[in-house]
Amino acid sequence: MATTHKGHIELLPSGSYRVQVYFGTDPVTGKARRVKRTVKTEANAAGELANLLRAAEAENAPDDAATLALALERYLEITDLSVSTRATNETYIRRVLLPVLGHVKLRKIGPDSLDALYAHLRLLAAVRAVAEGRALRRRGARLRQAVRPAARSQDHPPACV
């Protein structure tokens, strides 16, 4: 398969092709940074190799390991938010986004993932609202049952209608 000093293409047992490009060393960890992509055809692999090599020359390495949790953490670090807005955003991120999508890699999150999450949240809100309504009706019924005997007793004659 095609090989350059920074990248190569290999044929996988499945018949797909893996493109791997060296992006230098990570300045923090000192480990080699390599980006891998898997494509179906050799022509697509050659095109992907060219794209990744151009990105490597521009020193613009995609972070394949980045998760939504990491991206949101970086977002909160660099944004200039008021105290209340920051608190609201952090709470929403911690309670809603991270439990569901925090572990997912950014490149795997698309509009469909977010639409499904928000549809699920709307459904939960509707179920919660119905349950709260039932609970309020039950509390009202219990309160009426508790008040009715007292209203019928001699100590508290019923109000004239």
Protein backbone atom coordinates (compact mmCIF):
# COMPACT_ATOMS: atom_id res chain seq x y z
CA MET A 1 0.00 0.00 0.00
CA ALA A 2 0.97 3.65 -0.26
CA THR A 3 3.55 4.87 2.24
CA THR A 4 5.03 8.27 2.93
CA HIS A 5 7.45 9.36 5.61
CA LYS A 6 4.48 10.54 7.71
CA GLY A 7 1.62 8.21 6.81
CA HIS A 8 0.49 5.00 5.21
CA ILE A 9 -2.51 2.96 4.06
CA GLU A 10 -3.03 -0.64 5.07
CA LEU A 11 -5.57 -3.24 3.93
CA LEU A 12 -7.59 -4.68 6.80
CA PRO A 13 -8.91 -8.28 6.96
CA SER A 14 -12.45 -6.91 6.52
CA GLY A 15 -11.49 -5.49 3.11
CA SER A 16 -11.56 -1.90 4.36
CA TYR A 17 -8.50 0.34 4.36
CA ARG A 18 -6.89 2.03 7.34
CA VAL A 19 -5.12 5.35 6.84
CA GLN A 20 -2.62 6.36 9.51
CA VAL A 21 -0.71 9.64 9.65
CA TYR A 22 1.94 10.79 12.12
CA PHE A 23 1.22 14.26 13.53
CA GLY A 24 4.36 14.76 15.61
CA THR A 25 4.68 14.48 19.36
CA ASP A 26 2.32 15.78 21.96
CA PRO A 27 4.08 18.65 23.77
CA VAL A 28 2.53 17.72 27.11
CA THR A 29 2.86 13.92 27.17
CA GLY A 30 5.77 13.51 24.73
CA LYS A 31 3.88 10.67 23.03
CA ALA A 32 3.54 10.34 19.27
CA ARG A 33 0.29 11.68 17.88
CA ARG A 34 -1.17 9.49 15.16
CA VAL A 35 -4.51 9.91 13.45
CA LYS A 36 -6.25 6.86 12.02
CA ARG A 37 -9.19 6.70 9.66
CA THR A 38 -10.92 3.65 8.19
CA VAL A 39 -12.52 3.85 4.74
CA LYS A 40 -14.13 1.32 2.39
CA THR A 41 -12.17 1.78 -0.84
CA GLU A 42 -8.55 2.28 -1.78
CA ALA A 43 -9.44 5.46 -3.71
CA ASN A 44 -11.09 6.92 -0.60
CA ALA A 45 -8.07 5.88 1.44
CA ALA A 46 -5.72 7.73 -0.92
CA GLY A 47 -7.88 10.86 -0.67
CA GLU A 48 -8.04 10.61 3.12
CA LEU A 49 -4.26 10.14 3.29
CA ALA A 50 -3.78 13.30 1.23
CA ASN A 51 -6.19 15.25 3.47
CA LEU A 52 -4.51 14.08 6.66
CA LEU A 53 -1.03 14.80 5.30
CA ARG A 54 -2.12 18.35 4.42
CA ALA A 55 -3.47 18.75 7.95
CA ALA A 56 -0.21 17.36 9.37
CA GLU A 57 1.82 19.86 7.32
CA ALA A 58 -0.39 22.66 8.64
CA GLU A 59 0.05 21.24 12.16
CA ASN A 60 -3.69 21.10 12.50
CA ALA A 61 -4.18 17.68 14.09
CA PRO A 62 -7.75 16.63 14.75
CA ASP A 63 -8.26 15.43 18.31
CA ASP A 64 -9.85 12.03 17.76
CA ALA A 65 -10.00 11.25 21.47
CA ALA A 66 -11.90 14.41 22.42
CA THR A 67 -15.22 13.73 24.12
CA LEU A 68 -18.13 16.04 24.70
CA ALA A 69 -17.16 16.24 28.38
CA LEU A 70 -13.69 17.53 27.45
CA ALA A 71 -15.10 20.05 24.97
CA LEU A 72 -17.63 21.38 27.48
CA GLU A 73 -14.93 21.65 30.13
CA ARG A 74 -12.75 23.70 27.77
CA TYR A 75 -15.75 25.82 26.80
CA LEU A 76 -16.44 26.69 30.43
CA GLU A 77 -12.76 27.54 30.98
CA ILE A 78 -12.52 30.06 28.15
CA THR A 79 -15.95 31.70 28.12
CA ASP A 80 -16.63 34.92 29.96
CA LEU A 81 -19.99 34.36 31.64
CA SER A 82 -21.77 36.12 34.48
CA VAL A 83 -21.89 34.21 37.74
CA SER A 84 -25.55 33.20 37.43
CA THR A 85 -25.21 32.17 33.78
CA ARG A 86 -22.11 30.10 34.57
CA ALA A 87 -23.90 28.38 37.45
CA THR A 88 -26.92 27.62 35.26
CA ASN A 89 -24.76 26.28 32.43
CA GLU A 90 -22.63 24.15 34.77
CA THR A 91 -25.74 22.68 36.38
CA TYR A 92 -27.33 21.88 33.02
CA ILE A 93 -24.12 20.34 31.72
CA ARG A 94 -23.61 18.28 34.89
CA ARG A 95 -27.22 17.07 35.23
CA VAL A 96 -28.33 16.67 31.61
CA LEU A 97 -25.53 16.51 29.05
CA LEU A 98 -22.67 14.69 30.78
CA PRO A 99 -24.62 11.66 32.02
CA VAL A 100 -25.99 10.98 28.55
CA LEU A 101 -23.35 12.23 26.07
CA GLY A 102 -20.27 13.11 28.14
CA HIS A 103 -18.37 9.93 27.22
CA VAL A 104 -19.17 10.14 23.48
CA LYS A 105 -16.42 11.25 21.13
CA LEU A 106 -17.13 14.56 19.43
CA ARG A 107 -16.85 13.16 15.93
CA LYS A 108 -19.65 10.69 16.75
CA ILE A 109 -22.09 13.37 17.92
CA GLY A 110 -24.31 14.73 15.24
CA PRO A 111 -27.64 16.47 14.96
CA ASP A 112 -29.44 13.14 15.33
CA SER A 113 -27.82 12.50 18.73
CA LEU A 114 -28.83 15.91 20.02
CA ASP A 115 -32.35 15.66 18.57
CA ALA A 116 -32.83 12.27 20.24
CA LEU A 117 -31.58 13.66 23.56
CA TYR A 118 -33.94 16.64 23.45
CA ALA A 119 -36.89 14.45 22.40
CA HIS A 120 -36.15 12.21 25.38
CA LEU A 121 -35.94 15.23 27.70
CA ARG A 122 -39.28 16.55 26.41
CA LEU A 123 -40.86 13.14 27.02
CA LEU A 124 -39.47 13.03 30.56
CA ALA A 125 -40.77 16.54 31.24
CA ALA A 126 -44.23 15.59 29.98
CA VAL A 127 -44.30 12.43 32.11
CA ARG A 128 -43.11 14.40 35.13
CA ALA A 129 -45.80 17.05 34.58
CA VAL A 130 -48.53 14.42 34.36
CA ALA A 131 -47.21 12.69 37.49
CA GLU A 132 -47.07 15.99 39.37
CA GLY A 133 -50.62 16.80 38.29
CA ARG A 134 -51.83 13.44 39.58
CA ALA A 135 -49.97 13.94 42.83
CA LEU A 136 -51.58 17.37 43.28
CA ARG A 137 -55.04 15.92 42.61
CA ARG A 138 -54.39 13.12 45.12
CA ARG A 139 -53.22 15.63 47.73
CA GLY A 140 -56.33 17.72 47.11
CA ALA A 141 -58.57 14.67 47.46
CA ARG A 142 -56.84 13.69 50.71
CA LEU A 143 -57.20 17.22 52.03
CA ARG A 144 -60.92 17.26 51.16
CA GLN A 145 -61.38 13.89 52.88
CA ALA A 146 -59.63 15.20 55.99
CA VAL A 147 -61.65 18.43 56.06
CA ARG A 148 -65.07 16.91 55.29
CA PRO A 149 -65.61 15.23 58.71
CA ALA A 150 -64.61 18.41 60.51
CA ALA A 151 -67.00 20.45 58.39
CA ARG A 152 -69.86 18.06 59.23
CA SER A 153 -69.25 18.08 62.96
CA GLN A 154 -71.21 20.27 65.37
CA ASP A 155 -68.14 22.34 66.20
CA HIS A 156 -67.92 23.57 62.64
CA PRO A 157 -71.33 23.93 61.03
CA PRO A 158 -71.27 23.91 57.26
CA ALA A 159 -71.27 27.24 55.53
CA CYS A 160 -74.65 28.48 54.35
CA VAL A 161 -75.09 28.39 50.64
